[in-house]
Amino acid sequence: MRNRLRMVAFASAAFVALFLPTAARSAILVVSPDGSGEYPTIQAAIDAASHNDTIELTDGTFAGEGNRGLSFPEGIDYLLRSQSGDPAACWLDLQGYELGGQHGFQEVEVEGIGFRNGSGGYD
């Protein structure tokens, strides 16, 4: 009887470990402005990310192809944040793009990132 209880407890623990909600297993994908991070651009990190992943930006200014005009797949929630948490140290240069016009952006939570040179009042 005792062995059977141990087996049930082990099976229950294994089930919980394998089927935890995705949020508990979210990944952090690091992007640096000079392309030296885990991913060369913000868009590359978005394309590799899964639901509830965090895209973390190192300090500096992100500009150019792959860092503006971003497309976020709908139905997938992301956290886009700076490592430092300081919006004066981590910038996304929109280069004339509208932040709210980024495809799927409404499902993105943003923390500690400054925005400049955007249309629609984002400077």
PDB file of N, CA and C in Angstrom:
ATOM      1  N   MET A   1       0.829  -1.205   0.000  1.00  0.00           N
ATOM      2  CA  MET A   1       0.000   0.000   0.000  1.00  0.00           C
ATOM      3  C   MET A   1       0.867   1.262   0.000  1.00  0.00           C
ATOM      4  N   ARG A   2       1.902   1.252   0.827  1.00  0.00           N
ATOM      5  CA  ARG A   2       2.791   2.402   0.931  1.00  0.00           C
ATOM      6  C   ARG A   2       3.495   2.654  -0.407  1.00  0.00           C
ATOM      7  N   ASN A   3       3.934   1.585  -1.085  1.00  0.00           N
ATOM      8  CA  ASN A   3       4.587   1.737  -2.386  1.00  0.00           C
ATOM      9  C   ASN A   3       3.626   2.308  -3.425  1.00  0.00           C
ATOM     10  N   ARG A   4       2.370   1.867  -3.339  1.00  0.00           N
ATOM     11  CA  ARG A   4       1.373   2.365  -4.280  1.00  0.00           C
ATOM     12  C   ARG A   4       1.145   3.869  -4.083  1.00  0.00           C
ATOM     13  N   LEU A   5       1.102   4.319  -2.827  1.00  0.00           N
ATOM     14  CA  LEU A   5       0.947   5.740  -2.533  1.00  0.00           C
ATOM     15  C   LEU A   5       2.140   6.539  -3.049  1.00  0.00           C
ATOM     16  N   ARG A   6       3.338   5.991  -2.908  1.00  0.00           N
ATOM     17  CA  ARG A   6       4.527   6.674  -3.416  1.00  0.00           C
ATOM     18  C   ARG A   6       4.464   6.800  -4.936  1.00  0.00           C
ATOM     19  N   MET A   7       4.005   5.741  -5.597  1.00  0.00           N
ATOM     20  CA  MET A   7       3.906   5.770  -7.055  1.00  0.00           C
ATOM     21  C   MET A   7       2.880   6.807  -7.499  1.00  0.00           C
ATOM     22  N   VAL A   8       1.766   6.878  -6.804  1.00  0.00           N
ATOM     23  CA  VAL A   8       0.741   7.855  -7.138  1.00  0.00           C
ATOM     24  C   VAL A   8       1.272   9.269  -6.908  1.00  0.00           C
ATOM     25  N   ALA A   9       1.977   9.480  -5.807  1.00  0.00           N
ATOM     26  CA  ALA A   9       2.544  10.792  -5.517  1.00  0.00           C
ATOM     27  C   ALA A   9       3.573  11.172  -6.576  1.00  0.00           C
ATOM     28  N   PHE A  10       4.425  10.226  -6.965  1.00  0.00           N
ATOM     29  CA  PHE A  10       5.423  10.498  -8.000  1.00  0.00           C
ATOM     30  C   PHE A  10       4.753  10.807  -9.331  1.00  0.00           C
ATOM     31  N   ALA A  11       3.750  10.041  -9.699  1.00  0.00           N
ATOM     32  CA  ALA A  11       3.044  10.267 -10.961  1.00  0.00           C
ATOM     33  C   ALA A  11       2.355  11.627 -10.953  1.00  0.00           C
ATOM     34  N   SER A  12       1.774  11.999  -9.821  1.00  0.00           N
ATOM     35  CA  SER A  12       1.116  13.309  -9.714  1.00  0.00           C
ATOM     36  C   SER A  12       2.125  14.433  -9.856  1.00  0.00           C
ATOM     37  N   ALA A  13       3.280  14.302  -9.201  1.00  0.00           N
ATOM     38  CA  ALA A  13       4.319  15.331  -9.299  1.00  0.00           C
ATOM     39  C   ALA A  13       4.846  15.429 -10.723  1.00  0.00           C
ATOM     40  N   ALA A  14       5.041  14.330 -11.390  1.00  0.00           N
ATOM     41  CA  ALA A  14       5.518  14.333 -12.771  1.00  0.00           C
ATOM     42  C   ALA A  14       4.494  15.000 -13.685  1.00  0.00           C
ATOM     43  N   PHE A  15       3.212  14.715 -13.477  1.00  0.00           N
ATOM     44  CA  PHE A  15       2.157  15.320 -14.289  1.00  0.00           C
ATOM     45  C   PHE A  15       2.159  16.833 -14.122  1.00  0.00           C
ATOM     46  N   VAL A  16       2.241  17.305 -12.889  1.00  0.00           N
ATOM     47  CA  VAL A  16       2.242  18.740 -12.616  1.00  0.00           C
ATOM     48  C   VAL A  16       3.468  19.392 -13.249  1.00  0.00           C
ATOM     49  N   ALA A  17       4.634  18.767 -13.143  1.00  0.00           N
ATOM     50  CA  ALA A  17       5.864  19.341 -13.709  1.00  0.00           C
ATOM     51  C   ALA A  17       5.790  19.433 -15.229  1.00  0.00           C
ATOM     52  N   LEU A  18       5.195  18.451 -15.856  1.00  0.00           N
ATOM     53  CA  LEU A  18       5.125  18.443 -17.314  1.00  0.00           C
ATOM     54  C   LEU A  18       4.057  19.365 -17.873  1.00  0.00           C
ATOM     55  N   PHE A  19       2.998  19.574 -17.126  1.00  0.00           N
ATOM     56  CA  PHE A  19       1.869  20.324 -17.655  1.00  0.00           C
ATOM     57  C   PHE A  19       1.595  21.623 -16.907  1.00  0.00           C
ATOM     58  N   LEU A  20       2.661  22.247 -16.370  1.00  0.00           N
ATOM     59  CA  LEU A  20       2.490  23.558 -15.743  1.00  0.00           C
ATOM     60  C   LEU A  20       2.068  24.560 -16.801  1.00  0.00           C
ATOM     61  N   PRO A  21       1.373  25.599 -16.424  1.00  0.00           N
ATOM     62  CA  PRO A  21       0.998  26.628 -17.403  1.00  0.00           C
ATOM     63  C   PRO A  21       2.239  27.211 -18.070  1.00  0.00           C
ATOM     64  N   THR A  22       2.084  27.641 -19.303  1.00  0.00           N
ATOM     65  CA  THR A  22       3.186  28.195 -20.069  1.00  0.00           C
ATOM     66  C   THR A  22       3.832  29.364 -19.345  1.00  0.00           C
ATOM     67  N   ALA A  23       3.041  30.168 -18.658  1.00  0.00           N
ATOM     68  CA  ALA A  23       3.579  31.344 -17.984  1.00  0.00           C
ATOM     69  C   ALA A  23       4.678  30.972 -17.002  1.00  0.00           C
ATOM     70  N   ALA A  24       4.581  29.803 -16.401  1.00  0.00           N
ATOM     71  CA  ALA A  24       5.575  29.373 -15.435  1.00  0.00           C
ATOM     72  C   ALA A  24       6.878  28.976 -16.124  1.00  0.00           C
ATOM     73  N   ARG A  25       6.854  28.719 -17.427  1.00  0.00           N
ATOM     74  CA  ARG A  25       8.044  28.284 -18.140  1.00  0.00           C
ATOM     75  C   ARG A  25       8.479  29.295 -19.189  1.00  0.00           C
ATOM     76  N   SER A  26       8.099  30.546 -19.038  1.00  0.00           N
ATOM     77  CA  SER A  26       8.401  31.522 -20.070  1.00  0.00           C
ATOM     78  C   SER A  26       9.903  31.759 -20.170  1.00  0.00           C
ATOM     79  N   ALA A  27      10.344  32.096 -21.369  1.00  0.00           N
ATOM     80  CA  ALA A  27      11.754  32.334 -21.643  1.00  0.00           C
ATOM     81  C   ALA A  27      12.035  33.827 -21.704  1.00  0.00           C
ATOM     82  N   ILE A  28      13.303  34.174 -21.499  1.00  0.00           N
ATOM     83  CA  ILE A  28      13.753  35.549 -21.664  1.00  0.00           C
ATOM     84  C   ILE A  28      14.672  35.574 -22.881  1.00  0.00           C
ATOM     85  N   LEU A  29      14.287  36.385 -23.872  1.00  0.00           N
ATOM     86  CA  LEU A  29      15.035  36.503 -25.116  1.00  0.00           C
ATOM     87  C   LEU A  29      15.719  37.870 -25.115  1.00  0.00           C
ATOM     88  N   VAL A  30      17.045  37.898 -25.162  1.00  0.00           N
ATOM     89  CA  VAL A  30      17.813  39.132 -25.013  1.00  0.00           C
ATOM     90  C   VAL A  30      18.224  39.692 -26.368  1.00  0.00           C
ATOM     91  N   VAL A  31      18.011  41.017 -26.522  1.00  0.00           N
ATOM     92  CA  VAL A  31      18.372  41.726 -27.752  1.00  0.00           C
ATOM     93  C   VAL A  31      19.220  42.939 -27.365  1.00  0.00           C
ATOM     94  N   SER A  32      20.314  43.146 -28.099  1.00  0.00           N
ATOM     95  CA  SER A  32      21.183  44.314 -27.895  1.00  0.00           C
ATOM     96  C   SER A  32      21.143  45.193 -29.138  1.00  0.00           C
ATOM     97  N   PRO A  33      21.269  46.513 -28.972  1.00  0.00           N
ATOM     98  CA  PRO A  33      21.180  47.418 -30.125  1.00  0.00           C
ATOM     99  C   PRO A  33      22.230  47.154 -31.202  1.00  0.00           C
ATOM    100  N   ASP A  34      23.390  46.636 -30.802  1.00  0.00           N
ATOM    101  CA  ASP A  34      24.452  46.390 -31.779  1.00  0.00           C
ATOM    102  C   ASP A  34      24.355  45.003 -32.417  1.00  0.00           C
ATOM    103  N   GLY A  35      23.272  44.261 -32.089  1.00  0.00           N
ATOM    104  CA  GLY A  35      23.060  42.943 -32.681  1.00  0.00           C
ATOM    105  C   GLY A  35      23.805  41.816 -31.988  1.00  0.00           C
ATOM    106  N   SER A  36      24.491  42.119 -30.886  1.00  0.00           N
ATOM    107  CA  SER A  36      25.305  41.102 -30.213  1.00  0.00           C
ATOM    108  C   SER A  36      24.523  40.256 -29.202  1.00  0.00           C
ATOM    109  N   GLY A  37      23.253  40.512 -29.034  1.00  0.00           N
ATOM    110  CA  GLY A  37      22.457  39.753 -28.073  1.00  0.00           C
ATOM    111  C   GLY A  37      22.122  38.363 -28.590  1.00  0.00           C
ATOM    112  N   GLU A  38      21.287  37.694 -27.847  1.00  0.00           N
ATOM    113  CA  GLU A  38      20.811  36.358 -28.226  1.00  0.00           C
ATOM    114  C   GLU A  38      20.130  36.387 -29.599  1.00  0.00           C
ATOM    115  N   TYR A  39      19.476  37.508 -29.899  1.00  0.00           N
ATOM    116  CA  TYR A  39      18.793  37.721 -31.179  1.00  0.00           C
ATOM    117  C   TYR A  39      19.288  39.034 -31.761  1.00  0.00           C
ATOM    118  N   PRO A  40      19.498  39.113 -33.081  1.00  0.00           N
ATOM    119  CA  PRO A  40      20.092  40.315 -33.670  1.00  0.00           C
ATOM    120  C   PRO A  40      19.163  41.529 -33.710  1.00  0.00           C
ATOM    121  N   THR A  41      17.850  41.296 -33.711  1.00  0.00           N
ATOM    122  CA  THR A  41      16.884  42.393 -33.746  1.00  0.00           C
ATOM    123  C   THR A  41      15.682  42.051 -32.867  1.00  0.00           C
ATOM    124  N   ILE A  42      14.894  43.062 -32.577  1.00  0.00           N
ATOM    125  CA  ILE A  42      13.668  42.846 -31.809  1.00  0.00           C
ATOM    126  C   ILE A  42      12.726  41.932 -32.589  1.00  0.00           C
ATOM    127  N   GLN A  43      12.603  42.151 -33.904  1.00  0.00           N
ATOM    128  CA  GLN A  43      11.710  41.321 -34.711  1.00  0.00           C
ATOM    129  C   GLN A  43      12.149  39.859 -34.707  1.00  0.00           C
ATOM    130  N   ALA A  44      13.457  39.600 -34.728  1.00  0.00           N
ATOM    131  CA  ALA A  44      13.955  38.218 -34.673  1.00  0.00           C
ATOM    132  C   ALA A  44      13.560  37.556 -33.354  1.00  0.00           C
ATOM    133  N   ALA A  45      13.614  38.325 -32.265  1.00  0.00           N
ATOM    134  CA  ALA A  45      13.195  37.789 -30.961  1.00  0.00           C
ATOM    135  C   ALA A  45      11.692  37.538 -30.935  1.00  0.00           C
ATOM    136  N   ILE A  46      10.918  38.459 -31.502  1.00  0.00           N
ATOM    137  CA  ILE A  46       9.460  38.286 -31.577  1.00  0.00           C
ATOM    138  C   ILE A  46       9.132  37.008 -32.352  1.00  0.00           C
ATOM    139  N   ASP A  47       9.810  36.815 -33.484  1.00  0.00           N
ATOM    140  CA  ASP A  47       9.555  35.644 -34.327  1.00  0.00           C
ATOM    141  C   ASP A  47       9.894  34.336 -33.621  1.00  0.00           C
ATOM    142  N   ALA A  48      10.859  34.373 -32.692  1.00  0.00           N
ATOM    143  CA  ALA A  48      11.269  33.165 -31.972  1.00  0.00           C
ATOM    144  C   ALA A  48      10.489  32.948 -30.679  1.00  0.00           C
ATOM    145  N   ALA A  49       9.803  33.989 -30.203  1.00  0.00           N
ATOM    146  CA  ALA A  49       9.140  33.942 -28.897  1.00  0.00           C
ATOM    147  C   ALA A  49       7.846  33.140 -28.931  1.00  0.00           C
ATOM    148  N   SER A  50       7.499  32.645 -27.755  1.00  0.00           N
ATOM    149  CA  SER A  50       6.236  31.935 -27.536  1.00  0.00           C
ATOM    150  C   SER A  50       5.383  32.740 -26.566  1.00  0.00           C
ATOM    151  N   HIS A  51       4.152  32.301 -26.371  1.00  0.00           N
ATOM    152  CA  HIS A  51       3.210  32.958 -25.466  1.00  0.00           C
ATOM    153  C   HIS A  51       3.841  33.149 -24.089  1.00  0.00           C
ATOM    154  N   ASN A  52       3.719  34.358 -23.558  1.00  0.00           N
ATOM    155  CA  ASN A  52       4.201  34.742 -22.229  1.00  0.00           C
ATOM    156  C   ASN A  52       5.713  34.848 -22.111  1.00  0.00           C
ATOM    157  N   ASP A  53       6.445  34.842 -23.217  1.00  0.00           N
ATOM    158  CA  ASP A  53       7.888  35.058 -23.162  1.00  0.00           C
ATOM    159  C   ASP A  53       8.177  36.533 -22.923  1.00  0.00           C
ATOM    160  N   THR A  54       9.381  36.810 -22.459  1.00  0.00           N
ATOM    161  CA  THR A  54       9.849  38.164 -22.237  1.00  0.00           C
ATOM    162  C   THR A  54      10.941  38.474 -23.243  1.00  0.00           C
ATOM    163  N   ILE A  55      10.784  39.585 -23.944  1.00  0.00           N
ATOM    164  CA  ILE A  55      11.826  40.082 -24.833  1.00  0.00           C
ATOM    165  C   ILE A  55      12.497  41.217 -24.079  1.00  0.00           C
ATOM    166  N   GLU A  56      13.760  41.002 -23.749  1.00  0.00           N
ATOM    167  CA  GLU A  56      14.478  41.931 -22.884  1.00  0.00           C
ATOM    168  C   GLU A  56      15.539  42.667 -23.698  1.00  0.00           C
ATOM    169  N   LEU A  57      15.480  43.996 -23.646  1.00  0.00           N
ATOM    170  CA  LEU A  57      16.394  44.840 -24.403  1.00  0.00           C
ATOM    171  C   LEU A  57      17.478  45.391 -23.488  1.00  0.00           C
ATOM    172  N   THR A  58      18.736  45.289 -23.948  1.00  0.00           N
ATOM    173  CA  THR A  58      19.812  45.923 -23.198  1.00  0.00           C
ATOM    174  C   THR A  58      19.762  47.422 -23.487  1.00  0.00           C
ATOM    175  N   ASP A  59      20.464  48.211 -22.704  1.00  0.00           N
ATOM    176  CA  ASP A  59      20.429  49.660 -22.874  1.00  0.00           C
ATOM    177  C   ASP A  59      21.044  50.087 -24.195  1.00  0.00           C
ATOM    178  N   GLY A  60      20.517  51.182 -24.734  1.00  0.00           N
ATOM    179  CA  GLY A  60      20.976  51.737 -25.993  1.00  0.00           C
ATOM    180  C   GLY A  60      19.776  52.128 -26.839  1.00  0.00           C
ATOM    181  N   THR A  61      20.030  52.486 -28.096  1.00  0.00           N
ATOM    182  CA  THR A  61      18.965  52.883 -29.006  1.00  0.00           C
ATOM    183  C   THR A  61      18.786  51.836 -30.089  1.00  0.00           C
ATOM    184  N   PHE A  62      17.576  51.336 -30.203  1.00  0.00           N
ATOM    185  CA  PHE A  62      17.225  50.339 -31.212  1.00  0.00           C
ATOM    186  C   PHE A  62      16.608  51.055 -32.400  1.00  0.00           C
ATOM    187  N   ALA A  63      17.205  50.888 -33.568  1.00  0.00           N
ATOM    188  CA  ALA A  63      16.720  51.548 -34.777  1.00  0.00           C
ATOM    189  C   ALA A  63      16.999  50.637 -35.967  1.00  0.00           C
ATOM    190  N   GLY A  64      16.406  50.982 -37.089  1.00  0.00           N
ATOM    191  CA  GLY A  64      16.689  50.253 -38.323  1.00  0.00           C
ATOM    192  C   GLY A  64      15.788  49.053 -38.532  1.00  0.00           C
ATOM    193  N   GLU A  65      16.001  48.408 -39.658  1.00  0.00           N
ATOM    194  CA  GLU A  65      15.217  47.227 -40.047  1.00  0.00           C
ATOM    195  C   GLU A  65      15.268  46.175 -38.939  1.00  0.00           C
ATOM    196  N   GLY A  66      14.111  45.665 -38.598  1.00  0.00           N
ATOM    197  CA  GLY A  66      14.015  44.653 -37.546  1.00  0.00           C
ATOM    198  C   GLY A  66      13.812  45.228 -36.163  1.00  0.00           C
ATOM    199  N   ASN A  67      13.923  46.558 -36.042  1.00  0.00           N
ATOM    200  CA  ASN A  67      13.716  47.218 -34.753  1.00  0.00           C
ATOM    201  C   ASN A  67      12.645  48.299 -34.826  1.00  0.00           C
ATOM    202  N   ARG A  68      11.991  48.423 -35.965  1.00  0.00           N
ATOM    203  CA  ARG A  68      10.871  49.366 -36.154  1.00  0.00           C
ATOM    204  C   ARG A  68       9.870  48.676 -37.084  1.00  0.00           C
ATOM    205  N   GLY A  69       8.649  49.167 -37.098  1.00  0.00           N
ATOM    206  CA  GLY A  69       7.636  48.518 -37.933  1.00  0.00           C
ATOM    207  C   GLY A  69       7.429  47.073 -37.530  1.00  0.00           C
ATOM    208  N   LEU A  70       7.442  46.827 -36.237  1.00  0.00           N
ATOM    209  CA  LEU A  70       7.401  45.454 -35.708  1.00  0.00           C
ATOM    210  C   LEU A  70       6.048  44.792 -35.934  1.00  0.00           C
ATOM    211  N   SER A  71       6.079  43.485 -36.097  1.00  0.00           N
ATOM    212  CA  SER A  71       4.858  42.701 -36.276  1.00  0.00           C
ATOM    213  C   SER A  71       4.793  41.630 -35.193  1.00  0.00           C
ATOM    214  N   PHE A  72       3.801  41.766 -34.327  1.00  0.00           N
ATOM    215  CA  PHE A  72       3.591  40.815 -33.231  1.00  0.00           C
ATOM    216  C   PHE A  72       2.451  39.880 -33.616  1.00  0.00           C
ATOM    217  N   PRO A  73       2.671  38.573 -33.658  1.00  0.00           N
ATOM    218  CA  PRO A  73       1.572  37.653 -33.980  1.00  0.00           C
ATOM    219  C   PRO A  73       0.411  37.828 -33.005  1.00  0.00           C
ATOM    220  N   GLU A  74      -0.795  37.858 -33.525  1.00  0.00           N
ATOM    221  CA  GLU A  74      -1.966  38.029 -32.667  1.00  0.00           C
ATOM    222  C   GLU A  74      -2.215  36.782 -31.833  1.00  0.00           C
ATOM    223  N   GLY A  75      -2.755  36.994 -30.643  1.00  0.00           N
ATOM    224  CA  GLY A  75      -3.079  35.886 -29.752  1.00  0.00           C
ATOM    225  C   GLY A  75      -1.916  35.435 -28.891  1.00  0.00           C
ATOM    226  N   ILE A  76      -0.766  36.088 -29.026  1.00  0.00           N
ATOM    227  CA  ILE A  76       0.396  35.738 -28.212  1.00  0.00           C
ATOM    228  C   ILE A  76       0.754  36.957 -27.376  1.00  0.00           C
ATOM    229  N   ASP A  77       0.763  36.790 -26.065  1.00  0.00           N
ATOM    230  CA  ASP A  77       1.112  37.878 -25.161  1.00  0.00           C
ATOM    231  C   ASP A  77       2.614  37.882 -24.909  1.00  0.00           C
ATOM    232  N   TYR A  78       3.208  39.070 -24.919  1.00  0.00           N
ATOM    233  CA  TYR A  78       4.633  39.242 -24.671  1.00  0.00           C
ATOM    234  C   TYR A  78       4.829  40.303 -23.609  1.00  0.00           C
ATOM    235  N   LEU A  79       5.999  40.267 -22.995  1.00  0.00           N
ATOM    236  CA  LEU A  79       6.478  41.376 -22.190  1.00  0.00           C
ATOM    237  C   LEU A  79       7.710  41.889 -22.908  1.00  0.00           C
ATOM    238  N   LEU A  80       7.699  43.156 -23.303  1.00  0.00           N
ATOM    239  CA  LEU A  80       8.830  43.812 -23.941  1.00  0.00           C
ATOM    240  C   LEU A  80       9.370  44.785 -22.907  1.00  0.00           C
ATOM    241  N   ARG A  81      10.589  44.531 -22.405  1.00  0.00           N
ATOM    242  CA  ARG A  81      11.120  45.367 -21.331  1.00  0.00           C
ATOM    243  C   ARG A  81      12.614  45.608 -21.515  1.00  0.00           C
ATOM    244  N   SER A  82      13.084  46.642 -20.816  1.00  0.00           N
ATOM    245  CA  SER A  82      14.518  46.892 -20.789  1.00  0.00           C
ATOM    246  C   SER A  82      15.109  46.163 -19.588  1.00  0.00           C
ATOM    247  N   GLN A  83      16.351  45.740 -19.718  1.00  0.00           N
ATOM    248  CA  GLN A  83      17.013  45.078 -18.599  1.00  0.00           C
ATOM    249  C   GLN A  83      17.160  46.020 -17.417  1.00  0.00           C
ATOM    250  N   SER A  84      17.463  47.284 -17.695  1.00  0.00           N
ATOM    251  CA  SER A  84      17.713  48.241 -16.616  1.00  0.00           C
ATOM    252  C   SER A  84      16.428  48.797 -16.011  1.00  0.00           C
ATOM    253  N   GLY A  85      15.342  48.744 -16.773  1.00  0.00           N
ATOM    254  CA  GLY A  85      14.090  49.332 -16.305  1.00  0.00           C
ATOM    255  C   GLY A  85      14.054  50.841 -16.457  1.00  0.00           C
ATOM    256  N   ASP A  86      15.066  51.407 -17.116  1.00  0.00           N
ATOM    257  CA  ASP A  86      15.189  52.857 -17.249  1.00  0.00           C
ATOM    258  C   ASP A  86      14.866  53.308 -18.671  1.00  0.00           C
ATOM    259  N   PRO A  87      13.698  53.928 -18.893  1.00  0.00           N
ATOM    260  CA  PRO A  87      13.329  54.364 -20.237  1.00  0.00           C
ATOM    261  C   PRO A  87      14.230  55.475 -20.789  1.00  0.00           C
ATOM    262  N   ALA A  88      15.036  56.103 -19.946  1.00  0.00           N
ATOM    263  CA  ALA A  88      15.981  57.105 -20.427  1.00  0.00           C
ATOM    264  C   ALA A  88      17.267  56.456 -20.939  1.00  0.00           C
ATOM    265  N   ALA A  89      17.447  55.168 -20.694  1.00  0.00           N
ATOM    266  CA  ALA A  89      18.658  54.459 -21.118  1.00  0.00           C
ATOM    267  C   ALA A  89      18.385  53.460 -22.241  1.00  0.00           C
ATOM    268  N   CYS A  90      17.127  53.097 -22.439  1.00  0.00           N
ATOM    269  CA  CYS A  90      16.761  52.110 -23.461  1.00  0.00           C
ATOM    270  C   CYS A  90      15.693  52.721 -24.364  1.00  0.00           C
ATOM    271  N   TRP A  91      16.053  52.950 -25.644  1.00  0.00           N
ATOM    272  CA  TRP A  91      15.177  53.665 -26.577  1.00  0.00           C
ATOM    273  C   TRP A  91      14.828  52.818 -27.777  1.00  0.00           C
ATOM    274  N   LEU A  92      13.597  52.963 -28.207  1.00  0.00           N
ATOM    275  CA  LEU A  92      13.157  52.390 -29.474  1.00  0.00           C
ATOM    276  C   LEU A  92      12.887  53.564 -30.409  1.00  0.00           C
ATOM    277  N   ASP A  93      13.742  53.718 -31.423  1.00  0.00           N
ATOM    278  CA  ASP A  93      13.598  54.790 -32.402  1.00  0.00           C
ATOM    279  C   ASP A  93      12.638  54.298 -33.474  1.00  0.00           C
ATOM    280  N   LEU A  94      11.425  54.841 -33.466  1.00  0.00           N
ATOM    281  CA  LEU A  94      10.375  54.367 -34.376  1.00  0.00           C
ATOM    282  C   LEU A  94      10.576  54.830 -35.816  1.00  0.00           C
ATOM    283  N   GLN A  95      11.454  55.788 -36.030  1.00  0.00           N
ATOM    284  CA  GLN A  95      11.804  56.264 -37.367  1.00  0.00           C
ATOM    285  C   GLN A  95      10.571  56.560 -38.229  1.00  0.00           C
ATOM    286  N   GLY A  96       9.639  57.294 -37.617  1.00  0.00           N
ATOM    287  CA  GLY A  96       8.443  57.712 -38.340  1.00  0.00           C
ATOM    288  C   GLY A  96       7.272  56.750 -38.277  1.00  0.00           C
ATOM    289  N   TYR A  97       7.457  55.566 -37.715  1.00  0.00           N
ATOM    290  CA  TYR A  97       6.348  54.615 -37.583  1.00  0.00           C
ATOM    291  C   TYR A  97       5.510  54.976 -36.370  1.00  0.00           C
ATOM    292  N   GLU A  98       4.261  54.614 -36.402  1.00  0.00           N
ATOM    293  CA  GLU A  98       3.358  54.843 -35.275  1.00  0.00           C
ATOM    294  C   GLU A  98       3.401  53.633 -34.361  1.00  0.00           C
ATOM    295  N   LEU A  99       3.640  53.859 -33.085  1.00  0.00           N
ATOM    296  CA  LEU A  99       3.734  52.756 -32.126  1.00  0.00           C
ATOM    297  C   LEU A  99       2.462  51.926 -32.104  1.00  0.00           C
ATOM    298  N   GLY A 100       1.316  52.576 -32.002  1.00  0.00           N
ATOM    299  CA  GLY A 100       0.051  51.844 -31.952  1.00  0.00           C
ATOM    300  C   GLY A 100      -0.260  51.115 -33.242  1.00  0.00           C
ATOM    301  N   GLY A 101       0.428  51.496 -34.315  1.00  0.00           N
ATOM    302  CA  GLY A 101       0.212  50.863 -35.612  1.00  0.00           C
ATOM    303  C   GLY A 101       1.013  49.587 -35.806  1.00  0.00           C
ATOM    304  N   GLN A 102       1.850  49.251 -34.839  1.00  0.00           N
ATOM    305  CA  GLN A 102       2.620  48.012 -34.934  1.00  0.00           C
ATOM    306  C   GLN A 102       1.638  46.841 -34.890  1.00  0.00           C
ATOM    307  N   HIS A 103       1.727  45.936 -35.833  1.00  0.00           N
ATOM    308  CA  HIS A 103       0.787  44.820 -35.927  1.00  0.00           C
ATOM    309  C   HIS A 103       0.811  43.981 -34.657  1.00  0.00           C
ATOM    310  N   GLY A 104      -0.348  43.843 -33.993  1.00  0.00           N
ATOM    311  CA  GLY A 104      -0.468  43.024 -32.783  1.00  0.00           C
ATOM    312  C   GLY A 104       0.056  43.687 -31.525  1.00  0.00           C
ATOM    313  N   PHE A 105       0.456  44.968 -31.598  1.00  0.00           N
ATOM    314  CA  PHE A 105       1.090  45.630 -30.463  1.00  0.00           C
ATOM    315  C   PHE A 105       0.174  45.724 -29.241  1.00  0.00           C
ATOM    316  N   GLN A 106      -1.129  45.735 -29.448  1.00  0.00           N
ATOM    317  CA  GLN A 106      -2.045  45.881 -28.318  1.00  0.00           C
ATOM    318  C   GLN A 106      -1.955  44.719 -27.336  1.00  0.00           C
ATOM    319  N   GLU A 107      -1.329  43.616 -27.713  1.00  0.00           N
ATOM    320  CA  GLU A 107      -1.192  42.463 -26.824  1.00  0.00           C
ATOM    321  C   GLU A 107       0.172  42.425 -26.142  1.00  0.00           C
ATOM    322  N   VAL A 108       0.936  43.512 -26.248  1.00  0.00           N
ATOM    323  CA  VAL A 108       2.284  43.576 -25.706  1.00  0.00           C
ATOM    324  C   VAL A 108       2.305  44.476 -24.472  1.00  0.00           C
ATOM    325  N   GLU A 109       2.900  43.987 -23.409  1.00  0.00           N
ATOM    326  CA  GLU A 109       3.116  44.797 -22.217  1.00  0.00           C
ATOM    327  C   GLU A 109       4.532  45.367 -22.316  1.00  0.00           C
ATOM    328  N   VAL A 110       4.683  46.671 -22.094  1.00  0.00           N
ATOM    329  CA  VAL A 110       5.974  47.341 -22.240  1.00  0.00           C
ATOM    330  C   VAL A 110       6.400  47.919 -20.898  1.00  0.00           C
ATOM    331  N   GLU A 111       7.683  47.708 -20.545  1.00  0.00           N
ATOM    332  CA  GLU A 111       8.224  48.235 -19.289  1.00  0.00           C
ATOM    333  C   GLU A 111       9.618  48.809 -19.520  1.00  0.00           C
ATOM    334  N   GLY A 112       9.828  50.031 -19.086  1.00  0.00           N
ATOM    335  CA  GLY A 112      11.158  50.612 -19.034  1.00  0.00           C
ATOM    336  C   GLY A 112      11.793  50.922 -20.373  1.00  0.00           C
ATOM    337  N   ILE A 113      10.993  51.234 -21.395  1.00  0.00           N
ATOM    338  CA  ILE A 113      11.514  51.555 -22.719  1.00  0.00           C
ATOM    339  C   ILE A 113      11.003  52.933 -23.131  1.00  0.00           C
ATOM    340  N   GLY A 114      11.906  53.778 -23.611  1.00  0.00           N
ATOM    341  CA  GLY A 114      11.520  55.080 -24.140  1.00  0.00           C
ATOM    342  C   GLY A 114      11.308  54.982 -25.637  1.00  0.00           C
ATOM    343  N   PHE A 115      10.449  55.843 -26.178  1.00  0.00           N
ATOM    344  CA  PHE A 115      10.150  55.846 -27.613  1.00  0.00           C
ATOM    345  C   PHE A 115      10.434  57.225 -28.174  1.00  0.00           C
ATOM    346  N   ARG A 116      11.017  57.260 -29.372  1.00  0.00           N
ATOM    347  CA  ARG A 116      11.302  58.548 -30.010  1.00  0.00           C
ATOM    348  C   ARG A 116      11.093  58.449 -31.508  1.00  0.00           C
ATOM    349  N   ASN A 117      10.904  59.624 -32.116  1.00  0.00           N
ATOM    350  CA  ASN A 117      10.777  59.767 -33.564  1.00  0.00           C
ATOM    351  C   ASN A 117       9.616  58.980 -34.177  1.00  0.00           C
ATOM    352  N   GLY A 118       8.557  58.848 -33.406  1.00  0.00           N
ATOM    353  CA  GLY A 118       7.381  58.142 -33.915  1.00  0.00           C
ATOM    354  C   GLY A 118       6.306  59.097 -34.382  1.00  0.00           C
ATOM    355  N   SER A 119       5.463  58.616 -35.253  1.00  0.00           N
ATOM    356  CA  SER A 119       4.295  59.414 -35.627  1.00  0.00           C
ATOM    357  C   SER A 119       3.212  59.165 -34.597  1.00  0.00           C
ATOM    358  N   GLY A 120       2.197  59.971 -34.597  1.00  0.00           N
ATOM    359  CA  GLY A 120       1.091  59.778 -33.647  1.00  0.00           C
ATOM    360  C   GLY A 120       1.418  60.223 -32.239  1.00  0.00           C
ATOM    361  N   GLY A 121       2.411  61.116 -32.080  1.00  0.00           N
ATOM    362  CA  GLY A 121       2.681  61.670 -30.755  1.00  0.00           C
ATOM    363  C   GLY A 121       3.694  60.915 -29.938  1.00  0.00           C
ATOM    364  N   TYR A 122       4.394  59.940 -30.487  1.00  0.00           N
ATOM    365  CA  TYR A 122       5.407  59.209 -29.725  1.00  0.00           C
ATOM    366  C   TYR A 122       6.774  59.780 -30.046  1.00  0.00           C
ATOM    367  N   ASP A 123       7.294  60.594 -29.152  1.00  0.00           N
ATOM    368  CA  ASP A 123       8.628  61.193 -29.316  1.00  0.00           C
ATOM    369  C   ASP A 123       9.402  61.088 -28.037  1.00  0.00           C
TER     370      ASP A 123
END
